[in-house]
Amino acid sequence: MIPSGCSPPVLVTFADADAAEYDESTGCLREPNEIATLHNSLLLDAVEELREKHPDVTIVHTDLFRHVSEMVQNPEKFGFRKDVLSVCCGGPGKYHYNTKIICGDEGATTCVDPSKSLFWDGVHLTEAAYHYIADDWLRAITLPARATS
């Protein structure tokens, strides 16, 4: 899971006046991110169990949480706008996200350059974000050599 506490729909839906509910360095909600961290930890445990049970099978685990967190913390490093939590395609409102006007609806607007955004519509990341994630995954994945005859 991505850090859902950084997702514009979650930030809008669960907005809180208590500043302590937000991570100072990212602007993300703490509790949803803690839940996502727990989920990801349990998922990794399950993957490890599968690897032990099936040593002849290559099971790849990837960490979207880490990748998205890094992009939120250092948007300029990835070429993203400073307001990294704002969606590219959405309606009027905080984070350019609106529960009544979503991407594709009449009245929705898109940013000029989607490659400068992390989130496309609040639910999906942009192609640029997935590009960085895929590049890292492809560099990190090592598959066992296959016997050839």
N, C-alpha and C. Protein backbone atom coordinates (compact mmCIF):
# COMPACT_ATOMS: atom_id res chain seq x y z
N MET A 1 0.83 -1.19 0.00
CA MET A 1 0.00 0.00 0.00
C MET A 1 0.87 1.25 0.00
N ILE A 2 0.38 2.26 -0.65
CA ILE A 2 1.04 3.56 -0.59
C ILE A 2 0.76 4.16 0.79
N PRO A 3 1.45 5.22 1.16
CA PRO A 3 1.11 5.91 2.40
C PRO A 3 -0.24 6.61 2.24
N SER A 4 -1.31 5.92 2.59
CA SER A 4 -2.66 6.43 2.32
C SER A 4 -2.95 7.75 3.04
N GLY A 5 -2.23 8.04 4.09
CA GLY A 5 -2.38 9.32 4.77
C GLY A 5 -1.87 10.49 3.96
N CYS A 6 -1.22 10.20 2.83
CA CYS A 6 -0.75 11.23 1.91
C CYS A 6 -1.66 11.36 0.70
N SER A 7 -2.62 10.48 0.57
CA SER A 7 -3.53 10.46 -0.57
C SER A 7 -4.54 11.61 -0.44
N PRO A 8 -4.67 12.45 -1.47
CA PRO A 8 -5.60 13.58 -1.39
C PRO A 8 -7.02 13.22 -0.97
N PRO A 9 -7.63 12.12 -1.45
CA PRO A 9 -8.98 11.80 -0.97
C PRO A 9 -9.02 11.54 0.54
N VAL A 10 -8.00 10.90 1.06
CA VAL A 10 -7.95 10.66 2.52
C VAL A 10 -7.70 11.97 3.25
N LEU A 11 -6.81 12.80 2.74
CA LEU A 11 -6.53 14.09 3.37
C LEU A 11 -7.77 14.98 3.41
N VAL A 12 -8.58 14.93 2.36
CA VAL A 12 -9.80 15.75 2.31
C VAL A 12 -10.90 15.13 3.18
N THR A 13 -11.10 13.84 3.05
CA THR A 13 -12.18 13.17 3.78
C THR A 13 -11.96 13.17 5.28
N PHE A 14 -10.73 12.99 5.70
CA PHE A 14 -10.43 12.88 7.13
C PHE A 14 -9.66 14.08 7.66
N ALA A 15 -9.85 15.23 7.04
CA ALA A 15 -9.17 16.45 7.48
C ALA A 15 -9.39 16.66 8.97
N ASP A 16 -8.35 17.09 9.64
CA ASP A 16 -8.41 17.25 11.09
C ASP A 16 -7.82 18.60 11.47
N ALA A 17 -8.48 19.28 12.36
CA ALA A 17 -7.98 20.59 12.82
C ALA A 17 -6.79 20.44 13.76
N ASP A 18 -6.58 19.25 14.30
CA ASP A 18 -5.49 19.00 15.24
C ASP A 18 -4.18 18.77 14.47
N ALA A 19 -3.27 19.72 14.56
CA ALA A 19 -2.00 19.64 13.85
C ALA A 19 -1.20 18.40 14.23
N ALA A 20 -1.41 17.87 15.42
CA ALA A 20 -0.68 16.68 15.87
C ALA A 20 -1.04 15.45 15.05
N GLU A 21 -2.15 15.49 14.33
CA GLU A 21 -2.57 14.35 13.50
C GLU A 21 -1.78 14.26 12.20
N TYR A 22 -1.00 15.31 11.90
CA TYR A 22 -0.25 15.38 10.64
C TYR A 22 1.24 15.25 10.89
N ASP A 23 1.92 14.63 9.95
CA ASP A 23 3.38 14.56 9.98
C ASP A 23 3.89 15.93 9.53
N GLU A 24 4.70 16.57 10.36
CA GLU A 24 5.20 17.91 10.05
C GLU A 24 6.01 17.95 8.76
N SER A 25 6.79 16.92 8.50
CA SER A 25 7.69 16.94 7.35
C SER A 25 6.99 16.67 6.02
N THR A 26 5.80 16.05 6.05
CA THR A 26 5.13 15.70 4.80
C THR A 26 3.75 16.32 4.64
N GLY A 27 3.09 16.65 5.72
CA GLY A 27 1.71 17.13 5.66
C GLY A 27 0.71 15.99 5.58
N CYS A 28 1.18 14.77 5.71
CA CYS A 28 0.31 13.59 5.62
C CYS A 28 -0.30 13.25 6.98
N LEU A 29 -1.45 12.61 6.94
CA LEU A 29 -2.10 12.16 8.17
C LEU A 29 -1.36 10.95 8.73
N ARG A 30 -1.07 10.98 10.01
CA ARG A 30 -0.28 9.92 10.64
C ARG A 30 -1.02 8.58 10.73
N GLU A 31 -2.25 8.58 11.23
CA GLU A 31 -2.94 7.32 11.52
C GLU A 31 -3.15 6.45 10.28
N PRO A 32 -3.65 7.00 9.16
CA PRO A 32 -3.77 6.14 7.98
C PRO A 32 -2.43 5.56 7.53
N ASN A 33 -1.36 6.33 7.69
CA ASN A 33 -0.04 5.82 7.31
C ASN A 33 0.41 4.72 8.26
N GLU A 34 0.06 4.83 9.53
CA GLU A 34 0.40 3.76 10.49
C GLU A 34 -0.36 2.48 10.13
N ILE A 35 -1.61 2.61 9.72
CA ILE A 35 -2.41 1.44 9.32
C ILE A 35 -1.79 0.81 8.07
N ALA A 36 -1.40 1.63 7.10
CA ALA A 36 -0.78 1.11 5.88
C ALA A 36 0.54 0.43 6.20
N THR A 37 1.30 0.99 7.13
CA THR A 37 2.57 0.38 7.53
C THR A 37 2.33 -0.99 8.15
N LEU A 38 1.33 -1.11 9.01
CA LEU A 38 0.99 -2.40 9.61
C LEU A 38 0.58 -3.39 8.52
N HIS A 39 -0.30 -2.97 7.62
CA HIS A 39 -0.73 -3.83 6.52
C HIS A 39 0.47 -4.33 5.72
N ASN A 40 1.37 -3.42 5.36
CA ASN A 40 2.53 -3.78 4.56
C ASN A 40 3.46 -4.74 5.30
N SER A 41 3.57 -4.55 6.61
CA SER A 41 4.40 -5.45 7.42
C SER A 41 3.82 -6.86 7.43
N LEU A 42 2.51 -6.96 7.59
CA LEU A 42 1.85 -8.27 7.58
C LEU A 42 1.94 -8.92 6.21
N LEU A 43 1.84 -8.12 5.17
CA LEU A 43 1.97 -8.64 3.81
C LEU A 43 3.38 -9.20 3.59
N LEU A 44 4.39 -8.47 4.03
CA LEU A 44 5.77 -8.94 3.88
C LEU A 44 5.98 -10.24 4.65
N ASP A 45 5.41 -10.34 5.85
CA ASP A 45 5.49 -11.60 6.62
C ASP A 45 4.89 -12.75 5.82
N ALA A 46 3.75 -12.51 5.19
CA ALA A 46 3.08 -13.55 4.40
C ALA A 46 3.94 -13.93 3.18
N VAL A 47 4.57 -12.96 2.56
CA VAL A 47 5.45 -13.23 1.42
C VAL A 47 6.63 -14.08 1.87
N GLU A 48 7.21 -13.76 3.01
CA GLU A 48 8.33 -14.54 3.54
C GLU A 48 7.92 -15.97 3.82
N GLU A 49 6.72 -16.17 4.37
CA GLU A 49 6.22 -17.52 4.61
C GLU A 49 6.08 -18.29 3.29
N LEU A 50 5.55 -17.63 2.27
CA LEU A 50 5.42 -18.26 0.96
C LEU A 50 6.79 -18.63 0.38
N ARG A 51 7.75 -17.75 0.55
CA ARG A 51 9.11 -18.04 0.05
C ARG A 51 9.69 -19.27 0.74
N GLU A 52 9.46 -19.38 2.05
CA GLU A 52 9.95 -20.55 2.79
C GLU A 52 9.26 -21.83 2.34
N LYS A 53 7.97 -21.75 2.11
CA LYS A 53 7.20 -22.93 1.68
C LYS A 53 7.51 -23.33 0.25
N HIS A 54 7.90 -22.36 -0.57
CA HIS A 54 8.12 -22.61 -2.00
C HIS A 54 9.47 -22.06 -2.44
N PRO A 55 10.56 -22.69 -1.99
CA PRO A 55 11.89 -22.16 -2.31
C PRO A 55 12.24 -22.21 -3.81
N ASP A 56 11.50 -23.01 -4.57
CA ASP A 56 11.76 -23.12 -6.00
C ASP A 56 11.03 -22.05 -6.83
N VAL A 57 10.28 -21.20 -6.16
CA VAL A 57 9.51 -20.15 -6.83
C VAL A 57 10.09 -18.79 -6.45
N THR A 58 10.22 -17.92 -7.43
CA THR A 58 10.69 -16.56 -7.16
C THR A 58 9.47 -15.68 -6.88
N ILE A 59 9.41 -15.14 -5.68
CA ILE A 59 8.32 -14.26 -5.30
C ILE A 59 8.92 -12.88 -5.04
N VAL A 60 8.45 -11.91 -5.78
CA VAL A 60 8.99 -10.56 -5.68
C VAL A 60 8.04 -9.70 -4.85
N HIS A 61 8.58 -9.03 -3.87
CA HIS A 61 7.81 -8.09 -3.04
C HIS A 61 8.34 -6.69 -3.32
N THR A 62 7.45 -5.76 -3.53
CA THR A 62 7.87 -4.38 -3.76
C THR A 62 7.24 -3.47 -2.71
N ASP A 63 7.86 -2.34 -2.49
CA ASP A 63 7.46 -1.46 -1.41
C ASP A 63 7.01 -0.11 -1.94
N LEU A 64 5.74 -0.02 -2.32
CA LEU A 64 5.18 1.24 -2.81
C LEU A 64 5.21 2.32 -1.73
N PHE A 65 5.02 1.94 -0.48
CA PHE A 65 5.00 2.90 0.62
C PHE A 65 6.30 3.70 0.64
N ARG A 66 7.41 3.00 0.57
CA ARG A 66 8.72 3.66 0.63
C ARG A 66 8.90 4.61 -0.55
N HIS A 67 8.55 4.13 -1.74
CA HIS A 67 8.73 4.96 -2.93
C HIS A 67 7.89 6.23 -2.88
N VAL A 68 6.62 6.10 -2.58
CA VAL A 68 5.75 7.27 -2.55
C VAL A 68 6.16 8.20 -1.41
N SER A 69 6.54 7.65 -0.27
CA SER A 69 6.99 8.48 0.85
C SER A 69 8.20 9.32 0.45
N GLU A 70 9.13 8.70 -0.25
CA GLU A 70 10.32 9.44 -0.69
C GLU A 70 9.94 10.56 -1.65
N MET A 71 8.98 10.30 -2.53
CA MET A 71 8.55 11.34 -3.47
C MET A 71 7.83 12.48 -2.76
N VAL A 72 7.07 12.16 -1.72
CA VAL A 72 6.38 13.19 -0.94
C VAL A 72 7.39 14.02 -0.16
N GLN A 73 8.40 13.36 0.41
CA GLN A 73 9.39 14.07 1.22
C GLN A 73 10.36 14.89 0.38
N ASN A 74 10.64 14.45 -0.84
CA ASN A 74 11.62 15.13 -1.70
C ASN A 74 11.08 15.33 -3.11
N PRO A 75 10.00 16.09 -3.27
CA PRO A 75 9.38 16.20 -4.61
C PRO A 75 10.33 16.76 -5.67
N GLU A 76 11.17 17.70 -5.29
CA GLU A 76 12.06 18.32 -6.27
C GLU A 76 13.05 17.31 -6.83
N LYS A 77 13.47 16.35 -6.02
CA LYS A 77 14.41 15.31 -6.46
C LYS A 77 13.84 14.54 -7.65
N PHE A 78 12.52 14.42 -7.71
CA PHE A 78 11.86 13.66 -8.77
C PHE A 78 11.25 14.56 -9.84
N GLY A 79 11.49 15.86 -9.73
CA GLY A 79 10.98 16.80 -10.71
C GLY A 79 9.52 17.18 -10.49
N PHE A 80 8.99 16.90 -9.29
CA PHE A 80 7.60 17.22 -9.00
C PHE A 80 7.47 18.62 -8.42
N ARG A 81 6.25 19.15 -8.54
CA ARG A 81 5.94 20.46 -7.95
C ARG A 81 6.12 20.38 -6.43
N LYS A 82 6.33 21.53 -5.85
CA LYS A 82 6.49 21.60 -4.39
C LYS A 82 5.19 21.18 -3.68
N ASP A 83 4.03 21.50 -4.26
CA ASP A 83 2.75 21.10 -3.66
C ASP A 83 2.41 19.68 -4.12
N VAL A 84 3.27 18.77 -3.76
CA VAL A 84 3.25 17.39 -4.25
C VAL A 84 1.97 16.63 -3.90
N LEU A 85 1.24 17.05 -2.89
CA LEU A 85 0.02 16.35 -2.50
C LEU A 85 -1.20 16.78 -3.32
N SER A 86 -1.04 17.79 -4.14
CA SER A 86 -2.15 18.23 -5.00
C SER A 86 -2.24 17.34 -6.23
N VAL A 87 -3.47 16.99 -6.60
CA VAL A 87 -3.67 16.14 -7.78
C VAL A 87 -3.54 16.96 -9.05
N CYS A 88 -3.26 16.28 -10.13
CA CYS A 88 -3.17 16.94 -11.44
C CYS A 88 -4.56 17.15 -12.03
N CYS A 89 -5.42 16.17 -11.88
CA CYS A 89 -6.74 16.23 -12.48
C CYS A 89 -7.80 16.17 -11.38
N GLY A 90 -8.56 17.24 -11.23
CA GLY A 90 -9.57 17.26 -10.17
C GLY A 90 -10.43 18.50 -10.23
N GLY A 91 -10.99 18.82 -9.10
CA GLY A 91 -11.89 19.95 -9.00
C GLY A 91 -11.39 20.97 -8.01
N PRO A 92 -12.13 22.03 -7.82
CA PRO A 92 -11.70 23.07 -6.89
C PRO A 92 -11.67 22.55 -5.46
N GLY A 93 -10.71 23.00 -4.70
CA GLY A 93 -10.61 22.61 -3.31
C GLY A 93 -9.17 22.34 -2.91
N LYS A 94 -9.00 22.05 -1.65
CA LYS A 94 -7.66 21.75 -1.13
C LYS A 94 -7.11 20.54 -1.86
N TYR A 95 -5.85 20.59 -2.23
CA TYR A 95 -5.15 19.55 -2.98
C TYR A 95 -5.71 19.38 -4.40
N HIS A 96 -6.50 20.36 -4.86
CA HIS A 96 -7.16 20.31 -6.17
C HIS A 96 -8.05 19.07 -6.24
N TYR A 97 -8.55 18.67 -5.09
CA TYR A 97 -9.40 17.48 -5.00
C TYR A 97 -10.76 17.90 -4.47
N ASN A 98 -11.81 17.37 -5.08
CA ASN A 98 -13.16 17.72 -4.68
C ASN A 98 -14.01 16.46 -4.78
N THR A 99 -14.71 16.13 -3.73
CA THR A 99 -15.52 14.91 -3.73
C THR A 99 -16.71 14.99 -4.68
N LYS A 100 -17.09 16.20 -5.09
CA LYS A 100 -18.25 16.36 -5.97
C LYS A 100 -17.86 16.54 -7.44
N ILE A 101 -16.62 16.96 -7.69
CA ILE A 101 -16.13 17.12 -9.06
C ILE A 101 -14.82 16.36 -9.16
N ILE A 102 -14.88 15.18 -9.75
CA ILE A 102 -13.68 14.37 -9.87
C ILE A 102 -13.17 14.40 -11.31
N CYS A 103 -11.97 13.93 -11.48
CA CYS A 103 -11.35 13.89 -12.79
C CYS A 103 -12.28 13.22 -13.80
N GLY A 104 -12.49 13.89 -14.92
CA GLY A 104 -13.37 13.38 -15.95
C GLY A 104 -14.75 14.01 -15.93
N ASP A 105 -15.13 14.58 -14.79
CA ASP A 105 -16.42 15.26 -14.70
C ASP A 105 -16.37 16.62 -15.39
N GLU A 106 -17.55 17.10 -15.77
CA GLU A 106 -17.64 18.46 -16.27
C GLU A 106 -17.22 19.38 -15.11
N GLY A 107 -16.37 20.32 -15.41
CA GLY A 107 -15.88 21.23 -14.38
C GLY A 107 -14.53 20.82 -13.80
N ALA A 108 -14.09 19.61 -14.08
CA ALA A 108 -12.78 19.18 -13.62
C ALA A 108 -11.70 19.83 -14.50
N THR A 109 -10.57 20.07 -13.93
CA THR A 109 -9.46 20.66 -14.67
C THR A 109 -8.21 19.80 -14.48
N THR A 110 -7.28 19.94 -15.40
CA THR A 110 -6.01 19.22 -15.29
C THR A 110 -4.86 20.20 -15.24
N CYS A 111 -3.78 19.76 -14.66
CA CYS A 111 -2.58 20.59 -14.58
C CYS A 111 -1.94 20.69 -15.96
N VAL A 112 -1.07 21.65 -16.13
CA VAL A 112 -0.42 21.89 -17.42
C VAL A 112 0.55 20.76 -17.76
N ASP A 113 1.30 20.29 -16.76
CA ASP A 113 2.34 19.28 -17.00
C ASP A 113 2.21 18.13 -15.99
N PRO A 114 1.53 17.05 -16.36
CA PRO A 114 1.34 15.93 -15.44
C PRO A 114 2.65 15.32 -14.94
N SER A 115 3.73 15.47 -15.69
CA SER A 115 5.01 14.89 -15.25
C SER A 115 5.56 15.60 -14.01
N LYS A 116 4.96 16.73 -13.65
CA LYS A 116 5.39 17.47 -12.46
C LYS A 116 4.54 17.12 -11.24
N SER A 117 3.62 16.15 -11.40
CA SER A 117 2.71 15.76 -10.32
C SER A 117 2.95 14.33 -9.89
N LEU A 118 2.76 14.07 -8.62
CA LEU A 118 2.82 12.72 -8.07
C LEU A 118 1.49 12.00 -8.28
N PHE A 119 0.40 12.68 -7.92
CA PHE A 119 -0.93 12.09 -8.03
C PHE A 119 -1.64 12.58 -9.28
N TRP A 120 -2.24 11.66 -10.03
CA TRP A 120 -3.04 12.05 -11.19
C TRP A 120 -4.40 12.54 -10.71
N ASP A 121 -5.17 11.67 -10.07
CA ASP A 121 -6.54 12.01 -9.67
C ASP A 121 -6.81 11.76 -8.19
N GLY A 122 -5.78 11.50 -7.44
CA GLY A 122 -5.95 11.23 -6.01
C GLY A 122 -5.93 9.75 -5.71
N VAL A 123 -6.38 8.95 -6.64
CA VAL A 123 -6.38 7.49 -6.47
C VAL A 123 -5.18 6.89 -7.20
N HIS A 124 -4.86 7.44 -8.34
CA HIS A 124 -3.78 6.92 -9.17
C HIS A 124 -2.59 7.87 -9.16
N LEU A 125 -1.41 7.29 -9.22
CA LEU A 125 -0.21 8.08 -9.39
C LEU A 125 -0.08 8.46 -10.86
N THR A 126 0.78 9.41 -11.15
CA THR A 126 1.00 9.81 -12.54
C THR A 126 1.97 8.84 -13.21
N GLU A 127 2.01 8.91 -14.52
CA GLU A 127 2.96 8.10 -15.28
C GLU A 127 4.39 8.39 -14.81
N ALA A 128 4.68 9.65 -14.53
CA ALA A 128 6.03 10.01 -14.06
C ALA A 128 6.36 9.31 -12.75
N ALA A 129 5.42 9.26 -11.83
CA ALA A 129 5.66 8.58 -10.55
C ALA A 129 5.89 7.09 -10.77
N TYR A 130 5.05 6.48 -11.59
CA TYR A 130 5.22 5.05 -11.87
C TYR A 130 6.54 4.77 -12.59
N HIS A 131 6.99 5.72 -13.39
CA HIS A 131 8.28 5.56 -14.08
C HIS A 131 9.42 5.42 -13.06
N TYR A 132 9.45 6.31 -12.07
CA TYR A 132 10.50 6.25 -11.06
C TYR A 132 10.42 4.94 -10.26
N ILE A 133 9.21 4.55 -9.93
CA ILE A 133 9.01 3.31 -9.16
C ILE A 133 9.48 2.11 -9.97
N ALA A 134 9.05 2.03 -11.23
CA ALA A 134 9.42 0.90 -12.08
C ALA A 134 10.93 0.82 -12.30
N ASP A 135 11.56 1.96 -12.51
CA ASP A 135 13.01 1.97 -12.68
C ASP A 135 13.71 1.38 -11.46
N ASP A 136 13.27 1.78 -10.28
CA ASP A 136 13.89 1.27 -9.06
C ASP A 136 13.64 -0.23 -8.91
N TRP A 137 12.42 -0.66 -9.17
CA TRP A 137 12.10 -2.09 -9.06
C TRP A 137 12.94 -2.90 -10.01
N LEU A 138 13.05 -2.45 -11.25
CA LEU A 138 13.81 -3.21 -12.25
C LEU A 138 15.29 -3.30 -11.89
N ARG A 139 15.82 -2.27 -11.27
CA ARG A 139 17.22 -2.31 -10.82
C ARG A 139 17.38 -3.26 -9.63
N ALA A 140 16.35 -3.35 -8.81
CA ALA A 140 16.46 -4.14 -7.57
C ALA A 140 16.16 -5.63 -7.75
N ILE A 141 15.40 -5.96 -8.76
CA ILE A 141 14.98 -7.36 -8.93
C ILE A 141 16.12 -8.17 -9.53
N THR A 142 16.45 -9.23 -8.83
CA THR A 142 17.43 -10.18 -9.36
C THR A 142 16.75 -11.54 -9.37
N LEU A 143 16.66 -12.09 -10.53
CA LEU A 143 16.03 -13.39 -10.67
C LEU A 143 17.14 -14.45 -10.79
N PRO A 144 16.86 -15.65 -10.28
CA PRO A 144 17.87 -16.70 -10.38
C PRO A 144 18.11 -17.08 -11.84
N ALA A 145 19.35 -17.46 -12.12
CA ALA A 145 19.67 -17.88 -13.48
C ALA A 145 18.92 -19.17 -13.80
N ARG A 146 18.40 -19.25 -14.99
CA ARG A 146 17.67 -20.43 -15.44
C ARG A 146 18.64 -21.34 -16.22
N ALA A 147 18.50 -22.60 -16.01
CA ALA A 147 19.33 -23.56 -16.75
C ALA A 147 18.88 -23.59 -18.20
N THR A 148 19.80 -23.61 -19.10
CA THR A 148 19.48 -23.73 -20.52
C THR A 148 20.04 -25.04 -21.04
N SER A 149 19.37 -25.60 -22.00
CA SER A 149 19.87 -26.87 -22.54
C SER A 149 20.30 -26.72 -23.97
